[in-house]
Amino acid sequence: MSDQFSLVPSMHFQKAAKETFAVEFGRFLDQTDGAAQSEQMFDLLSAFALHFDCPWIAYGSLAPGQNFLNPVRGDPGVRLNYPDQWQERCL
């Protein structure tokens, strides 16, 4: 796959890292095909992110006009696993 059509063209991965990402991302997409609930999607996204040493993620949709920097902790459609101390400070 050329960089022109790559899912991550702005990231400067080495070739092996790009291939690993492509394989893991493909696996992630295959697994999400049957995910019907946000909890399932969050679990799959968490597992995908861990492949790349990213232990904390946030998942949810934004309403039209919603700023992604606004606090999201109270929204039942948002899932995040950041440490409580980080959430309290940053949100």
PDB file of N, CA and C in Angstrom:
ATOM      1  N   MET A   1       0.850  -1.172   0.000  1.00  0.00           N
ATOM      2  CA  MET A   1       0.000   0.000   0.000  1.00  0.00           C
ATOM      3  C   MET A   1       0.896   1.236   0.000  1.00  0.00           C
ATOM      4  N   SER A   2       0.600   2.175  -0.853  1.00  0.00           N
ATOM      5  CA  SER A   2       1.415   3.385  -0.914  1.00  0.00           C
ATOM      6  C   SER A   2       1.035   4.331   0.209  1.00  0.00           C
ATOM      7  N   ASP A   3       1.973   5.227   0.561  1.00  0.00           N
ATOM      8  CA  ASP A   3       1.693   6.217   1.587  1.00  0.00           C
ATOM      9  C   ASP A   3       0.540   7.121   1.193  1.00  0.00           C
ATOM     10  N   GLN A   4       0.324   7.289  -0.108  1.00  0.00           N
ATOM     11  CA  GLN A   4      -0.756   8.148  -0.577  1.00  0.00           C
ATOM     12  C   GLN A   4      -2.112   7.625  -0.093  1.00  0.00           C
ATOM     13  N   PHE A   5      -2.257   6.320   0.026  1.00  0.00           N
ATOM     14  CA  PHE A   5      -3.526   5.735   0.425  1.00  0.00           C
ATOM     15  C   PHE A   5      -3.473   5.114   1.808  1.00  0.00           C
ATOM     16  N   SER A   6      -2.420   5.342   2.525  1.00  0.00           N
ATOM     17  CA  SER A   6      -2.257   4.782   3.856  1.00  0.00           C
ATOM     18  C   SER A   6      -3.230   5.416   4.834  1.00  0.00           C
ATOM     19  N   LEU A   7      -3.631   4.657   5.830  1.00  0.00           N
ATOM     20  CA  LEU A   7      -4.508   5.185   6.873  1.00  0.00           C
ATOM     21  C   LEU A   7      -3.778   6.148   7.788  1.00  0.00           C
ATOM     22  N   VAL A   8      -2.459   6.072   7.831  1.00  0.00           N
ATOM     23  CA  VAL A   8      -1.667   6.921   8.723  1.00  0.00           C
ATOM     24  C   VAL A   8      -0.530   7.590   7.958  1.00  0.00           C
ATOM     25  N   PRO A   9      -0.822   8.352   6.928  1.00  0.00           N
ATOM     26  CA  PRO A   9       0.253   8.908   6.103  1.00  0.00           C
ATOM     27  C   PRO A   9       1.113   9.917   6.842  1.00  0.00           C
ATOM     28  N   SER A  10       0.588  10.605   7.829  1.00  0.00           N
ATOM     29  CA  SER A  10       1.373  11.627   8.511  1.00  0.00           C
ATOM     30  C   SER A  10       2.279  11.048   9.585  1.00  0.00           C
ATOM     31  N   MET A  11       2.070   9.806   9.963  1.00  0.00           N
ATOM     32  CA  MET A  11       2.921   9.175  10.959  1.00  0.00           C
ATOM     33  C   MET A  11       4.143   8.594  10.258  1.00  0.00           C
ATOM     34  N   HIS A  12       5.272   8.775  10.846  1.00  0.00           N
ATOM     35  CA  HIS A  12       6.517   8.326  10.232  1.00  0.00           C
ATOM     36  C   HIS A  12       6.950   6.996  10.836  1.00  0.00           C
ATOM     37  N   PHE A  13       6.158   5.971  10.565  1.00  0.00           N
ATOM     38  CA  PHE A  13       6.479   4.632  11.020  1.00  0.00           C
ATOM     39  C   PHE A  13       7.529   4.026  10.098  1.00  0.00           C
ATOM     40  N   GLN A  14       8.330   3.158  10.664  1.00  0.00           N
ATOM     41  CA  GLN A  14       9.192   2.360   9.816  1.00  0.00           C
ATOM     42  C   GLN A  14       8.300   1.369   9.084  1.00  0.00           C
ATOM     43  N   LYS A  15       8.812   0.785   8.035  1.00  0.00           N
ATOM     44  CA  LYS A  15       8.003  -0.114   7.217  1.00  0.00           C
ATOM     45  C   LYS A  15       7.406  -1.249   8.041  1.00  0.00           C
ATOM     46  N   ALA A  16       8.187  -1.882   8.905  1.00  0.00           N
ATOM     47  CA  ALA A  16       7.683  -2.987   9.720  1.00  0.00           C
ATOM     48  C   ALA A  16       6.590  -2.516  10.660  1.00  0.00           C
ATOM     49  N   ALA A  17       6.743  -1.318  11.207  1.00  0.00           N
ATOM     50  CA  ALA A  17       5.728  -0.780  12.114  1.00  0.00           C
ATOM     51  C   ALA A  17       4.436  -0.487  11.348  1.00  0.00           C
ATOM     52  N   LYS A  18       4.566   0.016  10.132  1.00  0.00           N
ATOM     53  CA  LYS A  18       3.376   0.272   9.310  1.00  0.00           C
ATOM     54  C   LYS A  18       2.641  -1.034   9.022  1.00  0.00           C
ATOM     55  N   GLU A  19       3.406  -2.062   8.715  1.00  0.00           N
ATOM     56  CA  GLU A  19       2.792  -3.354   8.425  1.00  0.00           C
ATOM     57  C   GLU A  19       2.105  -3.921   9.659  1.00  0.00           C
ATOM     58  N   THR A  20       2.746  -3.786  10.810  1.00  0.00           N
ATOM     59  CA  THR A  20       2.140  -4.250  12.057  1.00  0.00           C
ATOM     60  C   THR A  20       0.857  -3.488  12.334  1.00  0.00           C
ATOM     61  N   PHE A  21       0.903  -2.174  12.160  1.00  0.00           N
ATOM     62  CA  PHE A  21      -0.288  -1.368  12.362  1.00  0.00           C
ATOM     63  C   PHE A  21      -1.410  -1.802  11.424  1.00  0.00           C
ATOM     64  N   ALA A  22      -1.074  -2.011  10.155  1.00  0.00           N
ATOM     65  CA  ALA A  22      -2.081  -2.405   9.170  1.00  0.00           C
ATOM     66  C   ALA A  22      -2.728  -3.733   9.539  1.00  0.00           C
ATOM     67  N   VAL A  23      -1.918  -4.694   9.980  1.00  0.00           N
ATOM     68  CA  VAL A  23      -2.446  -6.003  10.367  1.00  0.00           C
ATOM     69  C   VAL A  23      -3.354  -5.856  11.588  1.00  0.00           C
ATOM     70  N   GLU A  24      -2.873  -5.164  12.605  1.00  0.00           N
ATOM     71  CA  GLU A  24      -3.664  -4.999  13.828  1.00  0.00           C
ATOM     72  C   GLU A  24      -4.927  -4.185  13.574  1.00  0.00           C
ATOM     73  N   PHE A  25      -4.838  -3.161  12.729  1.00  0.00           N
ATOM     74  CA  PHE A  25      -6.007  -2.357  12.427  1.00  0.00           C
ATOM     75  C   PHE A  25      -7.035  -3.177  11.658  1.00  0.00           C
ATOM     76  N   GLY A  26      -6.571  -3.996  10.731  1.00  0.00           N
ATOM     77  CA  GLY A  26      -7.477  -4.892  10.000  1.00  0.00           C
ATOM     78  C   GLY A  26      -8.170  -5.862  10.938  1.00  0.00           C
ATOM     79  N   ARG A  27      -7.412  -6.416  11.883  1.00  0.00           N
ATOM     80  CA  ARG A  27      -7.982  -7.327  12.878  1.00  0.00           C
ATOM     81  C   ARG A  27      -9.024  -6.591  13.728  1.00  0.00           C
ATOM     82  N   PHE A  28      -8.684  -5.374  14.141  1.00  0.00           N
ATOM     83  CA  PHE A  28      -9.607  -4.556  14.926  1.00  0.00           C
ATOM     84  C   PHE A  28     -10.905  -4.319  14.148  1.00  0.00           C
ATOM     85  N   LEU A  29     -10.803  -3.939  12.876  1.00  0.00           N
ATOM     86  CA  LEU A  29     -11.995  -3.699  12.071  1.00  0.00           C
ATOM     87  C   LEU A  29     -12.841  -4.961  11.923  1.00  0.00           C
ATOM     88  N   ASP A  30     -12.192  -6.102  11.721  1.00  0.00           N
ATOM     89  CA  ASP A  30     -12.924  -7.360  11.616  1.00  0.00           C
ATOM     90  C   ASP A  30     -13.696  -7.651  12.898  1.00  0.00           C
ATOM     91  N   GLN A  31     -13.062  -7.399  14.039  1.00  0.00           N
ATOM     92  CA  GLN A  31     -13.703  -7.677  15.319  1.00  0.00           C
ATOM     93  C   GLN A  31     -14.851  -6.715  15.605  1.00  0.00           C
ATOM     94  N   THR A  32     -14.732  -5.478  15.147  1.00  0.00           N
ATOM     95  CA  THR A  32     -15.782  -4.499  15.432  1.00  0.00           C
ATOM     96  C   THR A  32     -17.024  -4.720  14.584  1.00  0.00           C
ATOM     97  N   ASP A  33     -16.917  -5.517  13.563  1.00  0.00           N
ATOM     98  CA  ASP A  33     -18.053  -5.754  12.680  1.00  0.00           C
ATOM     99  C   ASP A  33     -19.274  -6.251  13.457  1.00  0.00           C
ATOM    100  N   GLY A  34     -19.070  -7.049  14.486  1.00  0.00           N
ATOM    101  CA  GLY A  34     -20.192  -7.575  15.258  1.00  0.00           C
ATOM    102  C   GLY A  34     -20.450  -6.848  16.557  1.00  0.00           C
ATOM    103  N   ALA A  35     -19.697  -5.798  16.840  1.00  0.00           N
ATOM    104  CA  ALA A  35     -19.858  -5.075  18.110  1.00  0.00           C
ATOM    105  C   ALA A  35     -21.105  -4.198  18.039  1.00  0.00           C
ATOM    106  N   ALA A  36     -22.035  -4.466  18.956  1.00  0.00           N
ATOM    107  CA  ALA A  36     -23.298  -3.732  18.942  1.00  0.00           C
ATOM    108  C   ALA A  36     -23.405  -2.727  20.086  1.00  0.00           C
ATOM    109  N   GLN A  37     -22.577  -2.870  21.098  1.00  0.00           N
ATOM    110  CA  GLN A  37     -22.683  -1.997  22.263  1.00  0.00           C
ATOM    111  C   GLN A  37     -21.378  -1.249  22.467  1.00  0.00           C
ATOM    112  N   SER A  38     -21.482  -0.065  23.063  1.00  0.00           N
ATOM    113  CA  SER A  38     -20.283   0.750  23.265  1.00  0.00           C
ATOM    114  C   SER A  38     -19.280   0.060  24.180  1.00  0.00           C
ATOM    115  N   GLU A  39     -19.744  -0.772  25.116  1.00  0.00           N
ATOM    116  CA  GLU A  39     -18.814  -1.495  25.992  1.00  0.00           C
ATOM    117  C   GLU A  39     -17.943  -2.452  25.186  1.00  0.00           C
ATOM    118  N   GLN A  40     -18.566  -3.138  24.220  1.00  0.00           N
ATOM    119  CA  GLN A  40     -17.816  -4.056  23.366  1.00  0.00           C
ATOM    120  C   GLN A  40     -16.791  -3.291  22.530  1.00  0.00           C
ATOM    121  N   MET A  41     -17.218  -2.190  21.969  1.00  0.00           N
ATOM    122  CA  MET A  41     -16.328  -1.389  21.133  1.00  0.00           C
ATOM    123  C   MET A  41     -15.162  -0.851  21.963  1.00  0.00           C
ATOM    124  N   PHE A  42     -15.458  -0.404  23.174  1.00  0.00           N
ATOM    125  CA  PHE A  42     -14.409   0.114  24.042  1.00  0.00           C
ATOM    126  C   PHE A  42     -13.393  -0.973  24.374  1.00  0.00           C
ATOM    127  N   ASP A  43     -13.863  -2.169  24.674  1.00  0.00           N
ATOM    128  CA  ASP A  43     -12.948  -3.274  24.977  1.00  0.00           C
ATOM    129  C   ASP A  43     -12.059  -3.598  23.780  1.00  0.00           C
ATOM    130  N   LEU A  44     -12.642  -3.611  22.595  1.00  0.00           N
ATOM    131  CA  LEU A  44     -11.853  -3.885  21.386  1.00  0.00           C
ATOM    132  C   LEU A  44     -10.846  -2.775  21.118  1.00  0.00           C
ATOM    133  N   LEU A  45     -11.285  -1.537  21.285  1.00  0.00           N
ATOM    134  CA  LEU A  45     -10.387  -0.406  21.074  1.00  0.00           C
ATOM    135  C   LEU A  45      -9.258  -0.402  22.103  1.00  0.00           C
ATOM    136  N   SER A  46      -9.575  -0.751  23.348  1.00  0.00           N
ATOM    137  CA  SER A  46      -8.545  -0.834  24.395  1.00  0.00           C
ATOM    138  C   SER A  46      -7.496  -1.873  24.044  1.00  0.00           C
ATOM    139  N   ALA A  47      -7.943  -3.033  23.589  1.00  0.00           N
ATOM    140  CA  ALA A  47      -7.012  -4.099  23.211  1.00  0.00           C
ATOM    141  C   ALA A  47      -6.152  -3.669  22.028  1.00  0.00           C
ATOM    142  N   PHE A  48      -6.765  -3.004  21.048  1.00  0.00           N
ATOM    143  CA  PHE A  48      -6.009  -2.516  19.888  1.00  0.00           C
ATOM    144  C   PHE A  48      -4.949  -1.513  20.333  1.00  0.00           C
ATOM    145  N   ALA A  49      -5.330  -0.573  21.172  1.00  0.00           N
ATOM    146  CA  ALA A  49      -4.398   0.465  21.630  1.00  0.00           C
ATOM    147  C   ALA A  49      -3.240  -0.138  22.426  1.00  0.00           C
ATOM    148  N   LEU A  50      -3.508  -1.192  23.188  1.00  0.00           N
ATOM    149  CA  LEU A  50      -2.440  -1.825  23.975  1.00  0.00           C
ATOM    150  C   LEU A  50      -1.356  -2.431  23.094  1.00  0.00           C
ATOM    151  N   HIS A  51      -1.711  -2.822  21.877  1.00  0.00           N
ATOM    152  CA  HIS A  51      -0.698  -3.338  20.943  1.00  0.00           C
ATOM    153  C   HIS A  51       0.360  -2.283  20.640  1.00  0.00           C
ATOM    154  N   PHE A  52       0.018  -1.027  20.879  1.00  0.00           N
ATOM    155  CA  PHE A  52       0.923   0.081  20.563  1.00  0.00           C
ATOM    156  C   PHE A  52       1.288   0.868  21.817  1.00  0.00           C
ATOM    157  N   ASP A  53       1.302   0.147  22.946  1.00  0.00           N
ATOM    158  CA  ASP A  53       1.710   0.712  24.244  1.00  0.00           C
ATOM    159  C   ASP A  53       0.912   1.956  24.620  1.00  0.00           C
ATOM    160  N   CYS A  54      -0.359   1.927  24.350  1.00  0.00           N
ATOM    161  CA  CYS A  54      -1.248   3.031  24.703  1.00  0.00           C
ATOM    162  C   CYS A  54      -2.308   2.480  25.670  1.00  0.00           C
ATOM    163  N   PRO A  55      -2.062   2.564  26.973  1.00  0.00           N
ATOM    164  CA  PRO A  55      -2.969   1.935  27.932  1.00  0.00           C
ATOM    165  C   PRO A  55      -4.242   2.726  28.209  1.00  0.00           C
ATOM    166  N   TRP A  56      -4.276   4.008  27.883  1.00  0.00           N
ATOM    167  CA  TRP A  56      -5.450   4.823  28.207  1.00  0.00           C
ATOM    168  C   TRP A  56      -6.088   5.370  26.943  1.00  0.00           C
ATOM    169  N   ILE A  57      -7.394   5.221  26.876  1.00  0.00           N
ATOM    170  CA  ILE A  57      -8.131   5.704  25.716  1.00  0.00           C
ATOM    171  C   ILE A  57      -9.445   6.327  26.162  1.00  0.00           C
ATOM    172  N   ALA A  58     -10.040   7.072  25.266  1.00  0.00           N
ATOM    173  CA  ALA A  58     -11.387   7.600  25.441  1.00  0.00           C
ATOM    174  C   ALA A  58     -12.162   7.254  24.177  1.00  0.00           C
ATOM    175  N   TYR A  59     -13.412   6.879  24.336  1.00  0.00           N
ATOM    176  CA  TYR A  59     -14.240   6.478  23.207  1.00  0.00           C
ATOM    177  C   TYR A  59     -15.630   7.066  23.386  1.00  0.00           C
ATOM    178  N   GLY A  60     -16.137   7.652  22.361  1.00  0.00           N
ATOM    179  CA  GLY A  60     -17.492   8.188  22.383  1.00  0.00           C
ATOM    180  C   GLY A  60     -17.709   9.055  21.165  1.00  0.00           C
ATOM    181  N   SER A  61     -18.938   9.412  20.948  1.00  0.00           N
ATOM    182  CA  SER A  61     -19.230  10.279  19.813  1.00  0.00           C
ATOM    183  C   SER A  61     -19.477  11.693  20.310  1.00  0.00           C
ATOM    184  N   LEU A  62     -19.279  12.628  19.430  1.00  0.00           N
ATOM    185  CA  LEU A  62     -19.530  14.026  19.740  1.00  0.00           C
ATOM    186  C   LEU A  62     -20.837  14.457  19.094  1.00  0.00           C
ATOM    187  N   ALA A  63     -21.602  15.227  19.837  1.00  0.00           N
ATOM    188  CA  ALA A  63     -22.815  15.814  19.267  1.00  0.00           C
ATOM    189  C   ALA A  63     -22.385  16.957  18.344  1.00  0.00           C
ATOM    190  N   PRO A  64     -23.197  17.297  17.367  1.00  0.00           N
ATOM    191  CA  PRO A  64     -22.842  18.427  16.498  1.00  0.00           C
ATOM    192  C   PRO A  64     -22.553  19.681  17.322  1.00  0.00           C
ATOM    193  N   GLY A  65     -21.438  20.307  17.046  1.00  0.00           N
ATOM    194  CA  GLY A  65     -21.063  21.528  17.751  1.00  0.00           C
ATOM    195  C   GLY A  65     -20.423  21.312  19.110  1.00  0.00           C
ATOM    196  N   GLN A  66     -20.306  20.063  19.560  1.00  0.00           N
ATOM    197  CA  GLN A  66     -19.710  19.787  20.868  1.00  0.00           C
ATOM    198  C   GLN A  66     -18.197  19.881  20.766  1.00  0.00           C
ATOM    199  N   ASN A  67     -17.593  20.553  21.719  1.00  0.00           N
ATOM    200  CA  ASN A  67     -16.143  20.677  21.772  1.00  0.00           C
ATOM    201  C   ASN A  67     -15.591  19.440  22.464  1.00  0.00           C
ATOM    202  N   PHE A  68     -14.622  18.777  21.840  1.00  0.00           N
ATOM    203  CA  PHE A  68     -14.092  17.553  22.433  1.00  0.00           C
ATOM    204  C   PHE A  68     -13.323  17.808  23.714  1.00  0.00           C
ATOM    205  N   LEU A  69     -13.031  19.050  24.048  1.00  0.00           N
ATOM    206  CA  LEU A  69     -12.319  19.348  25.288  1.00  0.00           C
ATOM    207  C   LEU A  69     -13.258  19.543  26.475  1.00  0.00           C
ATOM    208  N   ASN A  70     -14.561  19.571  26.218  1.00  0.00           N
ATOM    209  CA  ASN A  70     -15.504  19.694  27.324  1.00  0.00           C
ATOM    210  C   ASN A  70     -15.503  18.413  28.146  1.00  0.00           C
ATOM    211  N   PRO A  71     -15.785  18.521  29.447  1.00  0.00           N
ATOM    212  CA  PRO A  71     -15.840  17.307  30.275  1.00  0.00           C
ATOM    213  C   PRO A  71     -16.848  16.303  29.728  1.00  0.00           C
ATOM    214  N   VAL A  72     -16.451  15.033  29.734  1.00  0.00           N
ATOM    215  CA  VAL A  72     -17.300  13.983  29.196  1.00  0.00           C
ATOM    216  C   VAL A  72     -17.598  12.902  30.230  1.00  0.00           C
ATOM    217  N   ARG A  73     -17.113  13.058  31.427  1.00  0.00           N
ATOM    218  CA  ARG A  73     -17.234  11.997  32.422  1.00  0.00           C
ATOM    219  C   ARG A  73     -18.674  11.618  32.713  1.00  0.00           C
ATOM    220  N   GLY A  74     -19.592  12.572  32.689  1.00  0.00           N
ATOM    221  CA  GLY A  74     -20.969  12.274  33.027  1.00  0.00           C
ATOM    222  C   GLY A  74     -21.792  11.704  31.892  1.00  0.00           C
ATOM    223  N   ASP A  75     -21.270  11.694  30.698  1.00  0.00           N
ATOM    224  CA  ASP A  75     -21.999  11.209  29.541  1.00  0.00           C
ATOM    225  C   ASP A  75     -21.962   9.684  29.509  1.00  0.00           C
ATOM    226  N   PRO A  76     -23.137   9.024  29.583  1.00  0.00           N
ATOM    227  CA  PRO A  76     -23.135   7.554  29.603  1.00  0.00           C
ATOM    228  C   PRO A  76     -22.649   6.921  28.303  1.00  0.00           C
ATOM    229  N   GLY A  77     -22.629   7.674  27.197  1.00  0.00           N
ATOM    230  CA  GLY A  77     -22.152   7.141  25.927  1.00  0.00           C
ATOM    231  C   GLY A  77     -20.651   7.227  25.760  1.00  0.00           C
ATOM    232  N   VAL A  78     -19.970   7.829  26.728  1.00  0.00           N
ATOM    233  CA  VAL A  78     -18.517   7.997  26.650  1.00  0.00           C
ATOM    234  C   VAL A  78     -17.849   7.010  27.586  1.00  0.00           C
ATOM    235  N   ARG A  79     -16.835   6.371  27.074  1.00  0.00           N
ATOM    236  CA  ARG A  79     -16.041   5.430  27.877  1.00  0.00           C
ATOM    237  C   ARG A  79     -14.607   5.922  27.890  1.00  0.00           C
ATOM    238  N   LEU A  80     -13.974   5.916  29.042  1.00  0.00           N
ATOM    239  CA  LEU A  80     -12.560   6.223  29.125  1.00  0.00           C
ATOM    240  C   LEU A  80     -11.960   5.482  30.298  1.00  0.00           C
ATOM    241  N   ASN A  81     -10.680   5.196  30.175  1.00  0.00           N
ATOM    242  CA  ASN A  81     -10.006   4.448  31.230  1.00  0.00           C
ATOM    243  C   ASN A  81      -8.793   5.184  31.784  1.00  0.00           C
ATOM    244  N   TYR A  82      -8.782   6.489  31.605  1.00  0.00           N
ATOM    245  CA  TYR A  82      -7.703   7.285  32.188  1.00  0.00           C
ATOM    246  C   TYR A  82      -7.789   7.208  33.711  1.00  0.00           C
ATOM    247  N   PRO A  83      -6.664   7.286  34.409  1.00  0.00           N
ATOM    248  CA  PRO A  83      -6.690   7.257  35.872  1.00  0.00           C
ATOM    249  C   PRO A  83      -7.555   8.394  36.426  1.00  0.00           C
ATOM    250  N   ASP A  84      -8.238   8.127  37.535  1.00  0.00           N
ATOM    251  CA  ASP A  84      -9.130   9.126  38.144  1.00  0.00           C
ATOM    252  C   ASP A  84      -8.419  10.448  38.408  1.00  0.00           C
ATOM    253  N   GLN A  85      -7.195  10.381  38.899  1.00  0.00           N
ATOM    254  CA  GLN A  85      -6.454  11.614  39.207  1.00  0.00           C
ATOM    255  C   GLN A  85      -6.243  12.443  37.941  1.00  0.00           C
ATOM    256  N   TRP A  86      -5.933  11.792  36.845  1.00  0.00           N
ATOM    257  CA  TRP A  86      -5.754  12.506  35.582  1.00  0.00           C
ATOM    258  C   TRP A  86      -7.068  13.132  35.152  1.00  0.00           C
ATOM    259  N   GLN A  87      -8.170  12.370  35.248  1.00  0.00           N
ATOM    260  CA  GLN A  87      -9.480  12.880  34.848  1.00  0.00           C
ATOM    261  C   GLN A  87      -9.861  14.115  35.663  1.00  0.00           C
ATOM    262  N   GLU A  88      -9.649  14.039  36.960  1.00  0.00           N
ATOM    263  CA  GLU A  88     -10.000  15.172  37.815  1.00  0.00           C
ATOM    264  C   GLU A  88      -9.203  16.423  37.455  1.00  0.00           C
ATOM    265  N   ARG A  89      -7.969  16.241  37.131  1.00  0.00           N
ATOM    266  CA  ARG A  89      -7.125  17.391  36.793  1.00  0.00           C
ATOM    267  C   ARG A  89      -7.425  17.931  35.390  1.00  0.00           C
ATOM    268  N   CYS A  90      -7.567  17.062  34.431  1.00  0.00           N
ATOM    269  CA  CYS A  90      -7.679  17.487  33.050  1.00  0.00           C
ATOM    270  C   CYS A  90      -9.096  17.767  32.572  1.00  0.00           C
ATOM    271  N   LEU A  91     -10.077  17.112  33.176  1.00  0.00           N
ATOM    272  CA  LEU A  91     -11.446  17.327  32.740  1.00  0.00           C
ATOM    273  C   LEU A  91     -12.120  18.346  33.617  1.00  0.00           C
TER     274      LEU A  91
END
